[in-house]
Structure formats: C-alpha cells, structure tokens
Amino acid sequence: MIITLIVAWIIFLILWKLVKTTIKTAVTFAAIVVLLYFGFGITPQDILHKISEITQKFSQTPVRN
C-alpha cells in the first residue's frame, strides 16, 4: 500500500511539472504573438502562413548523401 502511494505521488509530481511547463510555454507563445501583433502588426495568420512556407521549403529541399 505504501509503495503504491509513493509511486502515485511520483507520477503526480511528474505530471504536475509537465502541466506547469506546458502552461508556461503557452503563455510565452501567447505573449510573443500579442507582442508581434501590437508591436509590428503581424497577425497570427501571417505567422502560420510563414511557418507553412518554411515547412514546404524544407520538404522540397533535396537530401545530400
């Protein structure tokens, strides 16, 4: 019983750290998007469009052996 509680506590701590990290990343990303929007007029759609352009460019790049 005690070992089960210890394992459950360790899993809880790992998941808690994961949730905290995810929230921090989401808040940071949101802050960057808001800064780009209000500071430079770059919309989230502009960012997604540029990301899709970059991924298409990399997928078309030939691989050297």
PDB file of N, CA and C in Angstrom:
ATOM      1  N   MET A   1       0.821  -1.199   0.000  1.00  0.00           N
ATOM      2  CA  MET A   1       0.000   0.000   0.000  1.00  0.00           C
ATOM      3  C   MET A   1       0.862   1.258   0.000  1.00  0.00           C
ATOM      4  N   ILE A   2       1.894   1.276   0.804  1.00  0.00           N
ATOM      5  CA  ILE A   2       2.751   2.463   0.890  1.00  0.00           C
ATOM      6  C   ILE A   2       3.526   2.651  -0.410  1.00  0.00           C
ATOM      7  N   ILE A   3       3.989   1.557  -1.000  1.00  0.00           N
ATOM      8  CA  ILE A   3       4.731   1.651  -2.262  1.00  0.00           C
ATOM      9  C   ILE A   3       3.816   2.201  -3.362  1.00  0.00           C
ATOM     10  N   THR A   4       2.573   1.772  -3.358  1.00  0.00           N
ATOM     11  CA  THR A   4       1.608   2.276  -4.334  1.00  0.00           C
ATOM     12  C   THR A   4       1.420   3.772  -4.181  1.00  0.00           C
ATOM     13  N   LEU A   5       1.315   4.252  -2.962  1.00  0.00           N
ATOM     14  CA  LEU A   5       1.168   5.685  -2.725  1.00  0.00           C
ATOM     15  C   LEU A   5       2.412   6.460  -3.151  1.00  0.00           C
ATOM     16  N   ILE A   6       3.574   5.896  -2.917  1.00  0.00           N
ATOM     17  CA  ILE A   6       4.826   6.560  -3.313  1.00  0.00           C
ATOM     18  C   ILE A   6       4.899   6.660  -4.833  1.00  0.00           C
ATOM     19  N   VAL A   7       4.573   5.565  -5.516  1.00  0.00           N
ATOM     20  CA  VAL A   7       4.595   5.576  -6.979  1.00  0.00           C
ATOM     21  C   VAL A   7       3.556   6.566  -7.518  1.00  0.00           C
ATOM     22  N   ALA A   8       2.366   6.565  -6.928  1.00  0.00           N
ATOM     23  CA  ALA A   8       1.328   7.513  -7.353  1.00  0.00           C
ATOM     24  C   ALA A   8       1.783   8.954  -7.130  1.00  0.00           C
ATOM     25  N   TRP A   9       2.453   9.218  -6.016  1.00  0.00           N
ATOM     26  CA  TRP A   9       2.943  10.569  -5.726  1.00  0.00           C
ATOM     27  C   TRP A   9       4.005  10.988  -6.740  1.00  0.00           C
ATOM     28  N   ILE A  10       4.904  10.075  -7.086  1.00  0.00           N
ATOM     29  CA  ILE A  10       5.947  10.382  -8.073  1.00  0.00           C
ATOM     30  C   ILE A  10       5.314  10.674  -9.435  1.00  0.00           C
ATOM     31  N   ILE A  11       4.333   9.882  -9.826  1.00  0.00           N
ATOM     32  CA  ILE A  11       3.648  10.119 -11.095  1.00  0.00           C
ATOM     33  C   ILE A  11       2.918  11.458 -11.064  1.00  0.00           C
ATOM     34  N   PHE A  12       2.285  11.759  -9.942  1.00  0.00           N
ATOM     35  CA  PHE A  12       1.603  13.045  -9.799  1.00  0.00           C
ATOM     36  C   PHE A  12       2.583  14.196  -9.952  1.00  0.00           C
ATOM     37  N   LEU A  13       3.741  14.109  -9.320  1.00  0.00           N
ATOM     38  CA  LEU A  13       4.738  15.179  -9.416  1.00  0.00           C
ATOM     39  C   LEU A  13       5.234  15.353 -10.853  1.00  0.00           C
ATOM     40  N   ILE A  14       5.451  14.252 -11.541  1.00  0.00           N
ATOM     41  CA  ILE A  14       5.904  14.331 -12.929  1.00  0.00           C
ATOM     42  C   ILE A  14       4.838  14.999 -13.794  1.00  0.00           C
ATOM     43  N   LEU A  15       3.589  14.586 -13.621  1.00  0.00           N
ATOM     44  CA  LEU A  15       2.511  15.195 -14.397  1.00  0.00           C
ATOM     45  C   LEU A  15       2.325  16.668 -14.051  1.00  0.00           C
ATOM     46  N   TRP A  16       2.478  17.009 -12.774  1.00  0.00           N
ATOM     47  CA  TRP A  16       2.350  18.406 -12.355  1.00  0.00           C
ATOM     48  C   TRP A  16       3.421  19.275 -13.022  1.00  0.00           C
ATOM     49  N   LYS A  17       4.671  18.771 -13.073  1.00  0.00           N
ATOM     50  CA  LYS A  17       5.744  19.511 -13.729  1.00  0.00           C
ATOM     51  C   LYS A  17       5.455  19.661 -15.220  1.00  0.00           C
ATOM     52  N   LEU A  18       4.903  18.625 -15.822  1.00  0.00           N
ATOM     53  CA  LEU A  18       4.557  18.675 -17.236  1.00  0.00           C
ATOM     54  C   LEU A  18       3.484  19.723 -17.506  1.00  0.00           C
ATOM     55  N   VAL A  19       2.478  19.763 -16.657  1.00  0.00           N
ATOM     56  CA  VAL A  19       1.401  20.753 -16.815  1.00  0.00           C
ATOM     57  C   VAL A  19       1.947  22.169 -16.633  1.00  0.00           C
ATOM     58  N   LYS A  20       2.793  22.381 -15.626  1.00  0.00           N
ATOM     59  CA  LYS A  20       3.370  23.705 -15.397  1.00  0.00           C
ATOM     60  C   LYS A  20       4.208  24.155 -16.593  1.00  0.00           C
ATOM     61  N   THR A  21       5.006  23.249 -17.131  1.00  0.00           N
ATOM     62  CA  THR A  21       5.834  23.578 -18.282  1.00  0.00           C
ATOM     63  C   THR A  21       4.974  23.904 -19.494  1.00  0.00           C
ATOM     64  N   THR A  22       3.911  23.131 -19.694  1.00  0.00           N
ATOM     65  CA  THR A  22       3.013  23.373 -20.818  1.00  0.00           C
ATOM     66  C   THR A  22       2.339  24.733 -20.696  1.00  0.00           C
ATOM     67  N   ILE A  23       1.902  25.073 -19.513  1.00  0.00           N
ATOM     68  CA  ILE A  23       1.247  26.372 -19.305  1.00  0.00           C
ATOM     69  C   ILE A  23       2.232  27.508 -19.529  1.00  0.00           C
ATOM     70  N   LYS A  24       3.455  27.368 -19.012  1.00  0.00           N
ATOM     71  CA  LYS A  24       4.461  28.415 -19.212  1.00  0.00           C
ATOM     72  C   LYS A  24       4.759  28.605 -20.700  1.00  0.00           C
ATOM     73  N   THR A  25       4.862  27.498 -21.435  1.00  0.00           N
ATOM     74  CA  THR A  25       5.130  27.589 -22.860  1.00  0.00           C
ATOM     75  C   THR A  25       3.972  28.262 -23.592  1.00  0.00           C
ATOM     76  N   ALA A  26       2.743  27.906 -23.238  1.00  0.00           N
ATOM     77  CA  ALA A  26       1.573  28.504 -23.879  1.00  0.00           C
ATOM     78  C   ALA A  26       1.496  29.998 -23.593  1.00  0.00           C
ATOM     79  N   VAL A  27       1.778  30.402 -22.360  1.00  0.00           N
ATOM     80  CA  VAL A  27       1.736  31.823 -22.006  1.00  0.00           C
ATOM     81  C   VAL A  27       2.844  32.583 -22.737  1.00  0.00           C
ATOM     82  N   THR A  28       4.019  32.003 -22.826  1.00  0.00           N
ATOM     83  CA  THR A  28       5.124  32.641 -23.535  1.00  0.00           C
ATOM     84  C   THR A  28       4.787  32.815 -25.014  1.00  0.00           C
ATOM     85  N   PHE A  29       4.247  31.752 -25.611  1.00  0.00           N
ATOM     86  CA  PHE A  29       3.864  31.825 -27.023  1.00  0.00           C
ATOM     87  C   PHE A  29       2.787  32.885 -27.244  1.00  0.00           C
ATOM     88  N   ALA A  30       1.806  32.927 -26.366  1.00  0.00           N
ATOM     89  CA  ALA A  30       0.738  33.921 -26.487  1.00  0.00           C
ATOM     90  C   ALA A  30       1.302  35.340 -26.343  1.00  0.00           C
ATOM     91  N   ALA A  31       2.228  35.526 -25.420  1.00  0.00           N
ATOM     92  CA  ALA A  31       2.837  36.848 -25.236  1.00  0.00           C
ATOM     93  C   ALA A  31       3.612  37.272 -26.482  1.00  0.00           C
ATOM     94  N   ILE A  32       4.307  36.330 -27.098  1.00  0.00           N
ATOM     95  CA  ILE A  32       5.060  36.651 -28.318  1.00  0.00           C
ATOM     96  C   ILE A  32       4.106  37.034 -29.443  1.00  0.00           C
ATOM     97  N   VAL A  33       3.012  36.280 -29.588  1.00  0.00           N
ATOM     98  CA  VAL A  33       2.040  36.577 -30.642  1.00  0.00           C
ATOM     99  C   VAL A  33       1.406  37.946 -30.416  1.00  0.00           C
ATOM    100  N   VAL A  34       1.049  38.262 -29.168  1.00  0.00           N
ATOM    101  CA  VAL A  34       0.455  39.570 -28.864  1.00  0.00           C
ATOM    102  C   VAL A  34       1.462  40.683 -29.120  1.00  0.00           C
ATOM    103  N   LEU A  35       2.711  40.471 -28.740  1.00  0.00           N
ATOM    104  CA  LEU A  35       3.755  41.473 -28.981  1.00  0.00           C
ATOM    105  C   LEU A  35       3.942  41.709 -30.474  1.00  0.00           C
ATOM    106  N   LEU A  36       3.983  40.645 -31.252  1.00  0.00           N
ATOM    107  CA  LEU A  36       4.126  40.801 -32.700  1.00  0.00           C
ATOM    108  C   LEU A  36       2.925  41.525 -33.306  1.00  0.00           C
ATOM    109  N   TYR A  37       1.745  41.220 -32.791  1.00  0.00           N
ATOM    110  CA  TYR A  37       0.540  41.837 -33.334  1.00  0.00           C
ATOM    111  C   TYR A  37       0.484  43.333 -33.025  1.00  0.00           C
ATOM    112  N   PHE A  38       0.666  43.676 -31.765  1.00  0.00           N
ATOM    113  CA  PHE A  38       0.552  45.087 -31.387  1.00  0.00           C
ATOM    114  C   PHE A  38       1.808  45.894 -31.719  1.00  0.00           C
ATOM    115  N   GLY A  39       2.955  45.247 -31.699  1.00  0.00           N
ATOM    116  CA  GLY A  39       4.192  45.970 -31.976  1.00  0.00           C
ATOM    117  C   GLY A  39       4.474  46.156 -33.450  1.00  0.00           C
ATOM    118  N   PHE A  40       4.164  45.124 -34.245  1.00  0.00           N
ATOM    119  CA  PHE A  40       4.545  45.174 -35.652  1.00  0.00           C
ATOM    120  C   PHE A  40       3.376  44.940 -36.611  1.00  0.00           C
ATOM    121  N   GLY A  41       2.195  44.660 -36.098  1.00  0.00           N
ATOM    122  CA  GLY A  41       1.040  44.433 -36.955  1.00  0.00           C
ATOM    123  C   GLY A  41       1.029  43.072 -37.629  1.00  0.00           C
ATOM    124  N   ILE A  42       1.789  42.145 -37.090  1.00  0.00           N
ATOM    125  CA  ILE A  42       1.845  40.791 -37.657  1.00  0.00           C
ATOM    126  C   ILE A  42       0.748  39.954 -37.002  1.00  0.00           C
ATOM    127  N   THR A  43      -0.159  39.434 -37.809  1.00  0.00           N
ATOM    128  CA  THR A  43      -1.281  38.663 -37.279  1.00  0.00           C
ATOM    129  C   THR A  43      -0.897  37.202 -37.090  1.00  0.00           C
ATOM    130  N   PRO A  44      -1.636  36.475 -36.275  1.00  0.00           N
ATOM    131  CA  PRO A  44      -1.376  35.032 -36.135  1.00  0.00           C
ATOM    132  C   PRO A  44      -1.478  34.292 -37.473  1.00  0.00           C
ATOM    133  N   GLN A  45      -2.368  34.746 -38.353  1.00  0.00           N
ATOM    134  CA  GLN A  45      -2.479  34.122 -39.670  1.00  0.00           C
ATOM    135  C   GLN A  45      -1.193  34.317 -40.478  1.00  0.00           C
ATOM    136  N   ASP A  46      -0.575  35.493 -40.355  1.00  0.00           N
ATOM    137  CA  ASP A  46       0.699  35.748 -41.030  1.00  0.00           C
ATOM    138  C   ASP A  46       1.770  34.789 -40.526  1.00  0.00           C
ATOM    139  N   ILE A  47       1.788  34.561 -39.226  1.00  0.00           N
ATOM    140  CA  ILE A  47       2.777  33.658 -38.628  1.00  0.00           C
ATOM    141  C   ILE A  47       2.565  32.234 -39.136  1.00  0.00           C
ATOM    142  N   LEU A  48       1.312  31.769 -39.123  1.00  0.00           N
ATOM    143  CA  LEU A  48       1.023  30.411 -39.601  1.00  0.00           C
ATOM    144  C   LEU A  48       1.348  30.267 -41.078  1.00  0.00           C
ATOM    145  N   HIS A  49       1.078  31.294 -41.856  1.00  0.00           N
ATOM    146  CA  HIS A  49       1.394  31.251 -43.284  1.00  0.00           C
ATOM    147  C   HIS A  49       2.906  31.139 -43.489  1.00  0.00           C
ATOM    148  N   LYS A  50       3.672  31.898 -42.747  1.00  0.00           N
ATOM    149  CA  LYS A  50       5.131  31.850 -42.878  1.00  0.00           C
ATOM    150  C   LYS A  50       5.678  30.486 -42.448  1.00  0.00           C
ATOM    151  N   ILE A  51       5.106  29.925 -41.378  1.00  0.00           N
ATOM    152  CA  ILE A  51       5.540  28.605 -40.922  1.00  0.00           C
ATOM    153  C   ILE A  51       5.255  27.554 -41.990  1.00  0.00           C
ATOM    154  N   SER A  52       4.076  27.635 -42.613  1.00  0.00           N
ATOM    155  CA  SER A  52       3.757  26.665 -43.669  1.00  0.00           C
ATOM    156  C   SER A  52       4.679  26.840 -44.868  1.00  0.00           C
ATOM    157  N   GLU A  53       5.045  28.078 -45.205  1.00  0.00           N
ATOM    158  CA  GLU A  53       6.002  28.315 -46.292  1.00  0.00           C
ATOM    159  C   GLU A  53       7.356  27.684 -45.980  1.00  0.00           C
ATOM    160  N   ILE A  54       7.809  27.853 -44.738  1.00  0.00           N
ATOM    161  CA  ILE A  54       9.119  27.313 -44.348  1.00  0.00           C
ATOM    162  C   ILE A  54       9.104  25.790 -44.393  1.00  0.00           C
ATOM    163  N   THR A  55       8.023  25.174 -43.895  1.00  0.00           N
ATOM    164  CA  THR A  55       7.967  23.704 -43.911  1.00  0.00           C
ATOM    165  C   THR A  55       7.896  23.168 -45.336  1.00  0.00           C
ATOM    166  N   GLN A  56       7.199  23.864 -46.229  1.00  0.00           N
ATOM    167  CA  GLN A  56       7.168  23.441 -47.632  1.00  0.00           C
ATOM    168  C   GLN A  56       8.546  23.578 -48.260  1.00  0.00           C
ATOM    169  N   LYS A  57       9.244  24.636 -47.909  1.00  0.00           N
ATOM    170  CA  LYS A  57      10.588  24.856 -48.455  1.00  0.00           C
ATOM    171  C   LYS A  57      11.526  23.735 -48.017  1.00  0.00           C
ATOM    172  N   PHE A  58      11.447  23.339 -46.736  1.00  0.00           N
ATOM    173  CA  PHE A  58      12.304  22.265 -46.247  1.00  0.00           C
ATOM    174  C   PHE A  58      11.923  20.924 -46.850  1.00  0.00           C
ATOM    175  N   SER A  59      10.633  20.694 -47.099  1.00  0.00           N
ATOM    176  CA  SER A  59      10.221  19.415 -47.667  1.00  0.00           C
ATOM    177  C   SER A  59      10.632  19.289 -49.123  1.00  0.00           C
ATOM    178  N   GLN A  60      10.869  20.407 -49.807  1.00  0.00           N
ATOM    179  CA  GLN A  60      11.288  20.381 -51.202  1.00  0.00           C
ATOM    180  C   GLN A  60      12.799  20.384 -51.356  1.00  0.00           C
ATOM    181  N   THR A  61      13.529  20.581 -50.281  1.00  0.00           N
ATOM    182  CA  THR A  61      14.980  20.609 -50.333  1.00  0.00           C
ATOM    183  C   THR A  61      15.502  19.184 -50.499  1.00  0.00           C
ATOM    184  N   PRO A  62      16.352  18.939 -51.524  1.00  0.00           N
ATOM    185  CA  PRO A  62      16.882  17.584 -51.711  1.00  0.00           C
ATOM    186  C   PRO A  62      17.866  17.219 -50.592  1.00  0.00           C
ATOM    187  N   VAL A  63      17.891  15.955 -50.262  1.00  0.00           N
ATOM    188  CA  VAL A  63      18.786  15.452 -49.227  1.00  0.00           C
ATOM    189  C   VAL A  63      20.084  14.998 -49.884  1.00  0.00           C
ATOM    190  N   ARG A  64      21.204  15.472 -49.343  1.00  0.00           N
ATOM    191  CA  ARG A  64      22.516  15.075 -49.878  1.00  0.00           C
ATOM    192  C   ARG A  64      23.004  13.821 -49.182  1.00  0.00           C
ATOM    193  N   ASN A  65      23.611  12.952 -49.951  1.00  0.00           N
ATOM    194  CA  ASN A  65      24.182  11.714 -49.371  1.00  0.00           C
ATOM    195  C   ASN A  65      25.661  11.825 -49.228  1.00  0.00           C
TER     196      ASN A  65
END
